[in-house]
């Protein structure tokens, strides 16, 4: 996964860190290197849980508020994925 010449923000680095990926700086470009296990882990513990966080958020209808912005929805889904991903890792490690 290529990120270009600018180093990704800390938030992005932190997001992919639990997936056991490796950020490399090669050919003047930032690259995220995946293994078969790391991509599976990312989809199970990260992406699926993130989207599930959006479903939980919408179930409680928090997104209907006029003051509720997309950024808050993304933060909720990210936090949901981080929390439950951590619980999953502890249960099978």
PDB file of N, CA and C in Angstrom:
ATOM      1  N   UNK A   1       0.863  -1.152   0.000  1.00  0.00           N
ATOM      2  CA  UNK A   1       0.000   0.000   0.000  1.00  0.00           C
ATOM      3  C   UNK A   1       0.916   1.222   0.000  1.00  0.00           C
ATOM      4  N   UNK A   2       0.749   2.069  -0.993  1.00  0.00           N
ATOM      5  CA  UNK A   2       1.623   3.235  -1.141  1.00  0.00           C
ATOM      6  C   UNK A   2       0.952   4.498  -0.590  1.00  0.00           C
ATOM      7  N   UNK A   3       1.745   5.300   0.134  1.00  0.00           N
ATOM      8  CA  UNK A   3       1.247   6.532   0.735  1.00  0.00           C
ATOM      9  C   UNK A   3       1.872   7.783   0.138  1.00  0.00           C
ATOM     10  N   UNK A   4       2.790   7.623  -0.793  1.00  0.00           N
ATOM     11  CA  UNK A   4       3.411   8.780  -1.420  1.00  0.00           C
ATOM     12  C   UNK A   4       4.661   9.237  -0.689  1.00  0.00           C
ATOM     13  N   UNK A   5       5.092  10.456  -1.015  1.00  0.00           N
ATOM     14  CA  UNK A   5       6.354  10.986  -0.495  1.00  0.00           C
ATOM     15  C   UNK A   5       6.249  11.510   0.931  1.00  0.00           C
ATOM     16  N   UNK A   6       5.062  11.928   1.338  1.00  0.00           N
ATOM     17  CA  UNK A   6       4.877  12.482   2.677  1.00  0.00           C
ATOM     18  C   UNK A   6       4.607  11.348   3.675  1.00  0.00           C
ATOM     19  N   UNK A   7       5.318  11.394   4.791  1.00  0.00           N
ATOM     20  CA  UNK A   7       5.121  10.367   5.818  1.00  0.00           C
ATOM     21  C   UNK A   7       3.687  10.448   6.350  1.00  0.00           C
ATOM     22  N   UNK A   8       3.013   9.297   6.485  1.00  0.00           N
ATOM     23  CA  UNK A   8       1.642   9.307   7.008  1.00  0.00           C
ATOM     24  C   UNK A   8       1.576   9.874   8.417  1.00  0.00           C
ATOM     25  N   UNK A   9       0.431  10.468   8.757  1.00  0.00           N
ATOM     26  CA  UNK A   9       0.222  11.022  10.099  1.00  0.00           C
ATOM     27  C   UNK A   9       0.261   9.909  11.143  1.00  0.00           C
ATOM     28  N   UNK A  10       0.547  10.297  12.369  1.00  0.00           N
ATOM     29  CA  UNK A  10       0.626   9.354  13.492  1.00  0.00           C
ATOM     30  C   UNK A  10      -0.668   8.538  13.611  1.00  0.00           C
ATOM     31  N   UNK A  11      -1.825   9.173  13.392  1.00  0.00           N
ATOM     32  CA  UNK A  11      -3.104   8.469  13.500  1.00  0.00           C
ATOM     33  C   UNK A  11      -3.177   7.309  12.507  1.00  0.00           C
ATOM     34  N   UNK A  12      -2.676   7.511  11.313  1.00  0.00           N
ATOM     35  CA  UNK A  12      -2.677   6.446  10.300  1.00  0.00           C
ATOM     36  C   UNK A  12      -1.706   5.338  10.699  1.00  0.00           C
ATOM     37  N   UNK A  13      -0.536   5.724  11.157  1.00  0.00           N
ATOM     38  CA  UNK A  13       0.438   4.726  11.609  1.00  0.00           C
ATOM     39  C   UNK A  13      -0.133   3.895  12.754  1.00  0.00           C
ATOM     40  N   UNK A  14      -0.801   4.564  13.690  1.00  0.00           N
ATOM     41  CA  UNK A  14      -1.408   3.863  14.829  1.00  0.00           C
ATOM     42  C   UNK A  14      -2.533   2.931  14.386  1.00  0.00           C
ATOM     43  N   UNK A  15      -3.283   3.342  13.348  1.00  0.00           N
ATOM     44  CA  UNK A  15      -4.410   2.529  12.882  1.00  0.00           C
ATOM     45  C   UNK A  15      -3.921   1.182  12.354  1.00  0.00           C
ATOM     46  N   UNK A  16      -2.842   1.175  11.590  1.00  0.00           N
ATOM     47  CA  UNK A  16      -2.349  -0.055  10.980  1.00  0.00           C
ATOM     48  C   UNK A  16      -1.416  -0.846  11.893  1.00  0.00           C
ATOM     49  N   UNK A  17      -0.911  -0.249  12.943  1.00  0.00           N
ATOM     50  CA  UNK A  17       0.064  -0.881  13.824  1.00  0.00           C
ATOM     51  C   UNK A  17      -0.407  -2.219  14.413  1.00  0.00           C
ATOM     52  N   UNK A  18      -1.654  -2.358  14.893  1.00  0.00           N
ATOM     53  CA  UNK A  18      -2.068  -3.653  15.449  1.00  0.00           C
ATOM     54  C   UNK A  18      -2.102  -4.785  14.414  1.00  0.00           C
ATOM     55  N   UNK A  19      -2.105  -4.446  13.135  1.00  0.00           N
ATOM     56  CA  UNK A  19      -2.172  -5.458  12.078  1.00  0.00           C
ATOM     57  C   UNK A  19      -0.825  -6.084  11.782  1.00  0.00           C
ATOM     58  N   UNK A  20       0.210  -5.679  12.523  1.00  0.00           N
ATOM     59  CA  UNK A  20       1.559  -6.212  12.349  1.00  0.00           C
ATOM     60  C   UNK A  20       2.066  -5.992  10.925  1.00  0.00           C
ATOM     61  N   UNK A  21       1.831  -4.799  10.421  1.00  0.00           N
ATOM     62  CA  UNK A  21       2.346  -4.403   9.120  1.00  0.00           C
ATOM     63  C   UNK A  21       3.674  -3.687   9.330  1.00  0.00           C
ATOM     64  N   UNK A  22       4.353  -3.419   8.247  1.00  0.00           N
ATOM     65  CA  UNK A  22       5.644  -2.739   8.339  1.00  0.00           C
ATOM     66  C   UNK A  22       5.645  -1.541   7.404  1.00  0.00           C
ATOM     67  N   UNK A  23       5.870  -0.340   7.975  1.00  0.00           N
ATOM     68  CA  UNK A  23       6.006   0.870   7.164  1.00  0.00           C
ATOM     69  C   UNK A  23       7.453   0.986   6.717  1.00  0.00           C
ATOM     70  N   UNK A  24       7.638   1.162   5.434  1.00  0.00           N
ATOM     71  CA  UNK A  24       8.978   1.280   4.875  1.00  0.00           C
ATOM     72  C   UNK A  24       9.097   2.593   4.110  1.00  0.00           C
ATOM     73  N   UNK A  25      10.280   3.131   4.091  1.00  0.00           N
ATOM     74  CA  UNK A  25      10.547   4.312   3.271  1.00  0.00           C
ATOM     75  C   UNK A  25      11.536   3.861   2.206  1.00  0.00           C
ATOM     76  N   UNK A  26      11.030   3.655   0.998  1.00  0.00           N
ATOM     77  CA  UNK A  26      11.883   3.174  -0.082  1.00  0.00           C
ATOM     78  C   UNK A  26      11.583   3.942  -1.363  1.00  0.00           C
ATOM     79  N   UNK A  27      12.623   4.203  -2.121  1.00  0.00           N
ATOM     80  CA  UNK A  27      12.500   4.968  -3.372  1.00  0.00           C
ATOM     81  C   UNK A  27      11.778   6.294  -3.151  1.00  0.00           C
ATOM     82  N   UNK A  28      12.098   6.950  -2.036  1.00  0.00           N
ATOM     83  CA  UNK A  28      11.519   8.258  -1.695  1.00  0.00           C
ATOM     84  C   UNK A  28       9.989   8.201  -1.554  1.00  0.00           C
ATOM     85  N   UNK A  29       9.484   7.059  -1.102  1.00  0.00           N
ATOM     86  CA  UNK A  29       8.040   6.868  -0.966  1.00  0.00           C
ATOM     87  C   UNK A  29       7.758   6.024   0.282  1.00  0.00           C
ATOM     88  N   UNK A  30       6.656   6.341   0.979  1.00  0.00           N
ATOM     89  CA  UNK A  30       6.239   5.562   2.147  1.00  0.00           C
ATOM     90  C   UNK A  30       5.324   4.433   1.694  1.00  0.00           C
ATOM     91  N   UNK A  31       5.665   3.220   2.147  1.00  0.00           N
ATOM     92  CA  UNK A  31       4.952   2.018   1.722  1.00  0.00           C
ATOM     93  C   UNK A  31       4.589   1.199   2.950  1.00  0.00           C
ATOM     94  N   UNK A  32       3.386   0.653   2.944  1.00  0.00           N
ATOM     95  CA  UNK A  32       2.952  -0.260   4.002  1.00  0.00           C
ATOM     96  C   UNK A  32       3.030  -1.668   3.429  1.00  0.00           C
ATOM     97  N   UNK A  33       3.848  -2.497   4.056  1.00  0.00           N
ATOM     98  CA  UNK A  33       4.042  -3.860   3.570  1.00  0.00           C
ATOM     99  C   UNK A  33       3.159  -4.824   4.361  1.00  0.00           C
ATOM    100  N   UNK A  34       2.438  -5.666   3.657  1.00  0.00           N
ATOM    101  CA  UNK A  34       1.519  -6.635   4.247  1.00  0.00           C
ATOM    102  C   UNK A  34       2.036  -8.052   4.051  1.00  0.00           C
ATOM    103  N   UNK A  35       1.707  -8.908   5.005  1.00  0.00           N
ATOM    104  CA  UNK A  35       1.869 -10.349   4.820  1.00  0.00           C
ATOM    105  C   UNK A  35       0.464 -10.922   4.710  1.00  0.00           C
ATOM    106  N   UNK A  36       0.357 -12.169   4.356  1.00  0.00           N
ATOM    107  CA  UNK A  36      -0.972 -12.792   4.264  1.00  0.00           C
ATOM    108  C   UNK A  36      -1.691 -12.743   5.613  1.00  0.00           C
ATOM    109  N   UNK A  37      -0.945 -13.028   6.685  1.00  0.00           N
ATOM    110  CA  UNK A  37      -1.547 -12.988   8.027  1.00  0.00           C
ATOM    111  C   UNK A  37      -1.948 -11.578   8.434  1.00  0.00           C
ATOM    112  N   UNK A  38      -1.104 -10.592   8.108  1.00  0.00           N
ATOM    113  CA  UNK A  38      -1.415  -9.224   8.526  1.00  0.00           C
ATOM    114  C   UNK A  38      -2.643  -8.683   7.801  1.00  0.00           C
ATOM    115  N   UNK A  39      -2.850  -9.045   6.552  1.00  0.00           N
ATOM    116  CA  UNK A  39      -4.029  -8.551   5.834  1.00  0.00           C
ATOM    117  C   UNK A  39      -5.296  -9.204   6.382  1.00  0.00           C
ATOM    118  N   UNK A  40      -5.207 -10.477   6.726  1.00  0.00           N
ATOM    119  CA  UNK A  40      -6.361 -11.164   7.330  1.00  0.00           C
ATOM    120  C   UNK A  40      -6.695 -10.526   8.672  1.00  0.00           C
ATOM    121  N   UNK A  41      -5.663 -10.262   9.458  1.00  0.00           N
ATOM    122  CA  UNK A  41      -5.861  -9.644  10.769  1.00  0.00           C
ATOM    123  C   UNK A  41      -6.481  -8.251  10.629  1.00  0.00           C
ATOM    124  N   UNK A  42      -6.014  -7.497   9.650  1.00  0.00           N
ATOM    125  CA  UNK A  42      -6.558  -6.153   9.417  1.00  0.00           C
ATOM    126  C   UNK A  42      -8.041  -6.210   9.087  1.00  0.00           C
ATOM    127  N   UNK A  43      -8.429  -7.095   8.179  1.00  0.00           N
ATOM    128  CA  UNK A  43      -9.837  -7.172   7.810  1.00  0.00           C
ATOM    129  C   UNK A  43     -10.705  -7.650   8.958  1.00  0.00           C
ATOM    130  N   UNK A  44     -10.233  -8.638   9.711  1.00  0.00           N
ATOM    131  CA  UNK A  44     -11.030  -9.161  10.820  1.00  0.00           C
ATOM    132  C   UNK A  44     -11.112  -8.179  11.980  1.00  0.00           C
ATOM    133  N   UNK A  45      -9.960  -7.689  12.423  1.00  0.00           N
ATOM    134  CA  UNK A  45      -9.926  -6.877  13.638  1.00  0.00           C
ATOM    135  C   UNK A  45     -10.079  -5.386  13.383  1.00  0.00           C
ATOM    136  N   UNK A  46      -9.858  -4.956  12.182  1.00  0.00           N
ATOM    137  CA  UNK A  46      -9.910  -3.531  11.891  1.00  0.00           C
ATOM    138  C   UNK A  46     -11.110  -3.131  11.063  1.00  0.00           C
ATOM    139  N   UNK A  47     -11.082  -3.499   9.817  1.00  0.00           N
ATOM    140  CA  UNK A  47     -12.086  -3.003   8.888  1.00  0.00           C
ATOM    141  C   UNK A  47     -13.503  -3.478   9.220  1.00  0.00           C
ATOM    142  N   UNK A  48     -13.663  -4.760   9.450  1.00  0.00           N
ATOM    143  CA  UNK A  48     -15.008  -5.283   9.758  1.00  0.00           C
ATOM    144  C   UNK A  48     -15.532  -4.665  11.053  1.00  0.00           C
ATOM    145  N   UNK A  49     -14.684  -4.583  12.072  1.00  0.00           N
ATOM    146  CA  UNK A  49     -15.116  -3.994  13.338  1.00  0.00           C
ATOM    147  C   UNK A  49     -15.402  -2.497  13.187  1.00  0.00           C
ATOM    148  N   UNK A  50     -14.642  -1.820  12.352  1.00  0.00           N
ATOM    149  CA  UNK A  50     -14.890  -0.393  12.098  1.00  0.00           C
ATOM    150  C   UNK A  50     -16.291  -0.210  11.501  1.00  0.00           C
ATOM    151  N   UNK A  51     -16.614  -1.001  10.495  1.00  0.00           N
ATOM    152  CA  UNK A  51     -17.933  -0.895   9.864  1.00  0.00           C
ATOM    153  C   UNK A  51     -19.038  -1.304  10.830  1.00  0.00           C
ATOM    154  N   UNK A  52     -18.779  -2.293  11.655  1.00  0.00           N
ATOM    155  CA  UNK A  52     -19.743  -2.680  12.685  1.00  0.00           C
ATOM    156  C   UNK A  52     -19.960  -1.526  13.665  1.00  0.00           C
ATOM    157  N   UNK A  53     -18.901  -0.774  13.952  1.00  0.00           N
ATOM    158  CA  UNK A  53     -19.019   0.407  14.803  1.00  0.00           C
ATOM    159  C   UNK A  53     -19.976   1.432  14.207  1.00  0.00           C
ATOM    160  N   UNK A  54     -19.945   1.600  12.882  1.00  0.00           N
ATOM    161  CA  UNK A  54     -20.906   2.497  12.229  1.00  0.00           C
ATOM    162  C   UNK A  54     -22.333   1.986  12.410  1.00  0.00           C
ATOM    163  N   UNK A  55     -22.523   0.681  12.316  1.00  0.00           N
ATOM    164  CA  UNK A  55     -23.866   0.112  12.509  1.00  0.00           C
ATOM    165  C   UNK A  55     -24.367   0.330  13.931  1.00  0.00           C
ATOM    166  N   UNK A  56     -23.496   0.109  14.909  1.00  0.00           N
ATOM    167  CA  UNK A  56     -23.872   0.335  16.309  1.00  0.00           C
ATOM    168  C   UNK A  56     -24.194   1.809  16.513  1.00  0.00           C
ATOM    169  N   UNK A  57     -23.378   2.666  15.958  1.00  0.00           N
ATOM    170  CA  UNK A  57     -23.589   4.111  16.065  1.00  0.00           C
ATOM    171  C   UNK A  57     -24.945   4.499  15.473  1.00  0.00           C
ATOM    172  N   UNK A  58     -25.261   3.965  14.302  1.00  0.00           N
ATOM    173  CA  UNK A  58     -26.528   4.322  13.660  1.00  0.00           C
ATOM    174  C   UNK A  58     -27.726   3.717  14.404  1.00  0.00           C
ATOM    175  N   UNK A  59     -27.523   2.570  15.044  1.00  0.00           N
ATOM    176  CA  UNK A  59     -28.603   1.968  15.820  1.00  0.00           C
ATOM    177  C   UNK A  59     -29.058   2.909  16.930  1.00  0.00           C
ATOM    178  N   UNK A  60     -28.112   3.593  17.540  1.00  0.00           N
ATOM    179  CA  UNK A  60     -28.450   4.539  18.601  1.00  0.00           C
ATOM    180  C   UNK A  60     -28.813   5.913  18.053  1.00  0.00           C
ATOM    181  N   UNK A  61     -28.850   6.025  16.717  1.00  0.00           N
ATOM    182  CA  UNK A  61     -29.295   7.224  16.007  1.00  0.00           C
ATOM    183  C   UNK A  61     -28.513   8.478  16.404  1.00  0.00           C
ATOM    184  N   UNK A  62     -27.263   8.306  16.761  1.00  0.00           N
ATOM    185  CA  UNK A  62     -26.432   9.460  17.095  1.00  0.00           C
ATOM    186  C   UNK A  62     -26.158  10.303  15.863  1.00  0.00           C
ATOM    187  N   UNK A  63     -26.156   9.672  14.703  1.00  0.00           N
ATOM    188  CA  UNK A  63     -25.801  10.371  13.473  1.00  0.00           C
ATOM    189  C   UNK A  63     -26.897  11.306  12.982  1.00  0.00           C
ATOM    190  N   UNK A  64     -28.065  11.273  13.578  1.00  0.00           N
ATOM    191  CA  UNK A  64     -29.166  12.129  13.122  1.00  0.00           C
ATOM    192  C   UNK A  64     -29.066  13.549  13.660  1.00  0.00           C
ATOM    193  N   UNK A  65     -28.270  13.756  14.679  1.00  0.00           N
ATOM    194  CA  UNK A  65     -28.127  15.082  15.247  1.00  0.00           C
ATOM    195  C   UNK A  65     -27.494  16.035  14.231  1.00  0.00           C
ATOM    196  N   UNK A  66     -27.969  17.272  14.179  1.00  0.00           N
ATOM    197  CA  UNK A  66     -27.402  18.250  13.252  1.00  0.00           C
ATOM    198  C   UNK A  66     -25.972  18.606  13.612  1.00  0.00           C
ATOM    199  N   UNK A  67     -25.632  18.450  14.881  1.00  0.00           N
ATOM    200  CA  UNK A  67     -24.279  18.792  15.314  1.00  0.00           C
ATOM    201  C   UNK A  67     -23.310  17.619  15.141  1.00  0.00           C
ATOM    202  N   UNK A  68     -23.841  16.458  14.815  1.00  0.00           N
ATOM    203  CA  UNK A  68     -23.017  15.261  14.663  1.00  0.00           C
ATOM    204  C   UNK A  68     -22.336  15.282  13.292  1.00  0.00           C
ATOM    205  N   UNK A  69     -21.056  15.337  13.281  1.00  0.00           N
ATOM    206  CA  UNK A  69     -20.327  15.460  12.022  1.00  0.00           C
ATOM    207  C   UNK A  69     -19.706  14.122  11.637  1.00  0.00           C
ATOM    208  N   UNK A  70     -19.360  14.026  10.360  1.00  0.00           N
ATOM    209  CA  UNK A  70     -18.762  12.793   9.846  1.00  0.00           C
ATOM    210  C   UNK A  70     -17.510  12.418  10.638  1.00  0.00           C
ATOM    211  N   UNK A  71     -16.719  13.394  11.025  1.00  0.00           N
ATOM    212  CA  UNK A  71     -15.501  13.123  11.777  1.00  0.00           C
ATOM    213  C   UNK A  71     -15.807  12.394  13.082  1.00  0.00           C
ATOM    214  N   UNK A  72     -16.876  12.795  13.756  1.00  0.00           N
ATOM    215  CA  UNK A  72     -17.252  12.128  15.001  1.00  0.00           C
ATOM    216  C   UNK A  72     -17.700  10.699  14.730  1.00  0.00           C
ATOM    217  N   UNK A  73     -18.403  10.490  13.620  1.00  0.00           N
ATOM    218  CA  UNK A  73     -18.843   9.140  13.256  1.00  0.00           C
ATOM    219  C   UNK A  73     -17.630   8.245  13.000  1.00  0.00           C
ATOM    220  N   UNK A  74     -16.628   8.776  12.306  1.00  0.00           N
ATOM    221  CA  UNK A  74     -15.415   8.005  12.032  1.00  0.00           C
ATOM    222  C   UNK A  74     -14.657   7.717  13.320  1.00  0.00           C
ATOM    223  N   UNK A  75     -14.571   8.697  14.204  1.00  0.00           N
ATOM    224  CA  UNK A  75     -13.890   8.482  15.481  1.00  0.00           C
ATOM    225  C   UNK A  75     -14.586   7.411  16.303  1.00  0.00           C
ATOM    226  N   UNK A  76     -15.922   7.423  16.311  1.00  0.00           N
ATOM    227  CA  UNK A  76     -16.661   6.411  17.059  1.00  0.00           C
ATOM    228  C   UNK A  76     -16.357   5.025  16.493  1.00  0.00           C
ATOM    229  N   UNK A  77     -16.428   4.891  15.158  1.00  0.00           N
ATOM    230  CA  UNK A  77     -16.181   3.601  14.525  1.00  0.00           C
ATOM    231  C   UNK A  77     -14.739   3.144  14.757  1.00  0.00           C
ATOM    232  N   UNK A  78     -13.780   4.069  14.692  1.00  0.00           N
ATOM    233  CA  UNK A  78     -12.379   3.725  14.963  1.00  0.00           C
ATOM    234  C   UNK A  78     -12.209   3.222  16.388  1.00  0.00           C
ATOM    235  N   UNK A  79     -12.777   3.938  17.337  1.00  0.00           N
ATOM    236  CA  UNK A  79     -12.663   3.539  18.745  1.00  0.00           C
ATOM    237  C   UNK A  79     -13.347   2.208  19.010  1.00  0.00           C
ATOM    238  N   UNK A  80     -14.485   1.981  18.379  1.00  0.00           N
ATOM    239  CA  UNK A  80     -15.196   0.707  18.493  1.00  0.00           C
ATOM    240  C   UNK A  80     -14.288  -0.425  18.018  1.00  0.00           C
ATOM    241  N   UNK A  81     -13.660  -0.245  16.853  1.00  0.00           N
ATOM    242  CA  UNK A  81     -12.782  -1.272  16.276  1.00  0.00           C
ATOM    243  C   UNK A  81     -11.564  -1.514  17.169  1.00  0.00           C
ATOM    244  N   UNK A  82     -10.975  -0.454  17.696  1.00  0.00           N
ATOM    245  CA  UNK A  82      -9.799  -0.597  18.550  1.00  0.00           C
ATOM    246  C   UNK A  82     -10.154  -1.350  19.828  1.00  0.00           C
ATOM    247  N   UNK A  83     -11.270  -0.965  20.451  1.00  0.00           N
ATOM    248  CA  UNK A  83     -11.684  -1.594  21.709  1.00  0.00           C
ATOM    249  C   UNK A  83     -11.981  -3.079  21.504  1.00  0.00           C
ATOM    250  N   UNK A  84     -12.842  -3.400  20.531  1.00  0.00           N
ATOM    251  CA  UNK A  84     -13.250  -4.790  20.338  1.00  0.00           C
ATOM    252  C   UNK A  84     -12.153  -5.623  19.682  1.00  0.00           C
ATOM    253  N   UNK A  85     -11.309  -5.005  18.877  1.00  0.00           N
ATOM    254  CA  UNK A  85     -10.154  -5.722  18.322  1.00  0.00           C
ATOM    255  C   UNK A  85      -9.211  -6.164  19.426  1.00  0.00           C
ATOM    256  N   UNK A  86      -9.020  -5.292  20.400  1.00  0.00           N
ATOM    257  CA  UNK A  86      -8.178  -5.625  21.549  1.00  0.00           C
ATOM    258  C   UNK A  86      -8.775  -6.798  22.329  1.00  0.00           C
ATOM    259  N   UNK A  87     -10.087  -6.769  22.519  1.00  0.00           N
ATOM    260  CA  UNK A  87     -10.765  -7.873  23.227  1.00  0.00           C
ATOM    261  C   UNK A  87     -10.607  -9.176  22.454  1.00  0.00           C
ATOM    262  N   UNK A  88     -10.749  -9.124  21.128  1.00  0.00           N
ATOM    263  CA  UNK A  88     -10.594 -10.327  20.306  1.00  0.00           C
ATOM    264  C   UNK A  88      -9.183 -10.895  20.426  1.00  0.00           C
ATOM    265  N   UNK A  89      -8.191 -10.024  20.320  1.00  0.00           N
ATOM    266  CA  UNK A  89      -6.800 -10.484  20.401  1.00  0.00           C
ATOM    267  C   UNK A  89      -6.525 -11.180  21.735  1.00  0.00           C
ATOM    268  N   UNK A  90      -7.060 -10.623  22.816  1.00  0.00           N
ATOM    269  CA  UNK A  90      -6.846 -11.236  24.129  1.00  0.00           C
ATOM    270  C   UNK A  90      -7.534 -12.589  24.236  1.00  0.00           C
ATOM    271  N   UNK A  91      -8.668 -12.765  23.549  1.00  0.00           N
ATOM    272  CA  UNK A  91      -9.423 -14.003  23.672  1.00  0.00           C
ATOM    273  C   UNK A  91      -8.776 -15.162  22.924  1.00  0.00           C
ATOM    274  N   UNK A  92      -8.019 -14.887  21.875  1.00  0.00           N
ATOM    275  CA  UNK A  92      -7.402 -16.011  21.146  1.00  0.00           C
ATOM    276  C   UNK A  92      -5.876 -15.996  21.177  1.00  0.00           C
ATOM    277  N   UNK A  93      -5.288 -15.225  22.095  1.00  0.00           N
ATOM    278  CA  UNK A  93      -3.817 -15.274  22.185  1.00  0.00           C
ATOM    279  C   UNK A  93      -3.369 -16.026  23.419  1.00  0.00           C
TER     280      UNK A  93
END
